[in-house]
Amino acid sequence: MQTLILPGISKEDKNWVDETAKNLKTNDIVRPFYWMHWTDENSKFDVQEKAGLIVKHIKGDKVNIIAKDEGLEVANIVKSLIPEQVVSVK
């Protein structure tokens, strides 16, 4: 089981990701996400692309997703693509 932490698109959301990961009490593999456009201004944020990459990388594992703002949009797409693998979205 994995727990994914999907933030909003603001650079300030990096702190939210870090704090959420640090305070999480779970035996799951915790995967905080840091969006590329935070460090590369030429990178564009595309919710469909991010969802597709996540689906590809979880390789059949069950996941819980903690998300906010645009990360919630990504989470909902992931859930629609692999509903049998997504245990919860919060």
Protein backbone atom coordinates (compact mmCIF):
# COMPACT_ATOMS: atom_id res chain seq x y z
CA MET A 1 0.00 0.00 0.00
CA GLN A 2 1.17 3.50 -0.83
CA THR A 3 0.03 6.88 0.40
CA LEU A 4 0.41 9.62 -2.20
CA ILE A 5 0.53 13.27 -1.18
CA LEU A 6 -0.57 15.52 -4.05
CA PRO A 7 -0.29 19.27 -3.46
CA GLY A 8 -1.71 22.28 -5.21
CA ILE A 9 0.37 24.05 -7.84
CA SER A 10 1.67 26.91 -5.73
CA LYS A 11 5.33 26.77 -4.68
CA GLU A 12 4.12 27.43 -1.13
CA ASP A 13 2.40 24.03 -1.23
CA LYS A 14 5.84 22.40 -0.89
CA ASN A 15 5.68 23.20 2.83
CA TRP A 16 2.27 21.51 3.03
CA VAL A 17 3.67 18.39 1.33
CA ASP A 18 6.65 18.26 3.70
CA GLU A 19 4.55 18.79 6.84
CA THR A 20 1.91 16.28 5.76
CA ALA A 21 4.52 13.61 5.02
CA LYS A 22 6.33 14.29 8.29
CA ASN A 23 3.18 14.08 10.41
CA LEU A 24 1.65 11.06 8.72
CA LYS A 25 1.27 8.04 10.99
CA THR A 26 1.18 5.04 8.65
CA ASN A 27 3.05 1.90 7.74
CA ASP A 28 2.38 2.62 4.06
CA ILE A 29 5.06 3.73 1.64
CA VAL A 30 4.64 7.53 1.66
CA ARG A 31 5.18 9.29 -1.66
CA PRO A 32 5.13 13.07 -1.47
CA PHE A 33 4.92 14.74 -4.88
CA TYR A 34 6.88 17.85 -5.83
CA TRP A 35 5.75 19.38 -9.11
CA MET A 36 8.43 20.05 -11.72
CA HIS A 37 7.24 23.60 -12.45
CA TRP A 38 8.24 24.60 -8.91
CA THR A 39 11.89 24.47 -9.99
CA ASP A 40 11.61 24.69 -13.79
CA GLU A 41 9.59 27.67 -14.99
CA ASN A 42 9.46 26.19 -18.51
CA SER A 43 7.60 23.13 -17.24
CA LYS A 44 3.80 23.23 -17.52
CA PHE A 45 1.42 21.63 -15.05
CA ASP A 46 -1.02 19.31 -16.81
CA VAL A 47 -3.43 17.35 -14.58
CA GLN A 48 -3.99 14.62 -17.19
CA GLU A 49 -0.27 14.12 -17.68
CA LYS A 50 0.39 13.98 -13.92
CA ALA A 51 -2.43 11.47 -13.41
CA GLY A 52 -1.11 9.28 -16.22
CA LEU A 53 2.40 9.29 -14.78
CA ILE A 54 1.10 8.38 -11.33
CA VAL A 55 -0.96 5.48 -12.68
CA LYS A 56 2.10 4.21 -14.57
CA HIS A 57 4.37 4.39 -11.52
CA ILE A 58 2.15 2.75 -8.91
CA LYS A 59 2.18 -0.48 -10.95
CA GLY A 60 -0.89 -2.19 -9.54
CA ASP A 61 -0.41 -1.21 -5.89
CA LYS A 62 -3.32 -0.06 -3.76
CA VAL A 63 -3.10 3.62 -2.82
CA ASN A 64 -4.51 6.16 -0.43
CA ILE A 65 -4.32 9.72 -1.70
CA ILE A 66 -4.08 12.88 0.37
CA ALA A 67 -4.56 15.91 -1.86
CA LYS A 68 -5.42 19.58 -1.97
CA ASP A 69 -6.38 22.06 -4.66
CA GLU A 70 -5.08 20.96 -8.09
CA GLY A 71 -3.69 17.81 -6.52
CA LEU A 72 -7.30 16.82 -5.84
CA GLU A 73 -8.04 17.15 -9.54
CA VAL A 74 -5.14 14.80 -10.27
CA ALA A 75 -6.38 12.40 -7.57
CA ASN A 76 -9.88 12.28 -9.04
CA ILE A 77 -8.50 11.47 -12.49
CA VAL A 78 -6.30 8.73 -11.02
CA LYS A 79 -9.36 7.33 -9.23
CA SER A 80 -11.36 7.34 -12.46
CA LEU A 81 -8.55 5.52 -14.32
CA ILE A 82 -7.88 2.83 -11.69
CA PRO A 83 -10.82 2.80 -9.25
CA GLU A 84 -10.00 -0.70 -8.01
CA GLN A 85 -6.59 0.47 -6.76
CA VAL A 86 -7.62 3.72 -5.05
CA VAL A 87 -8.68 2.94 -1.49
CA SER A 88 -9.40 6.53 -0.44
CA VAL A 89 -9.00 10.16 -1.46
CA LYS A 90 -8.85 12.77 1.29
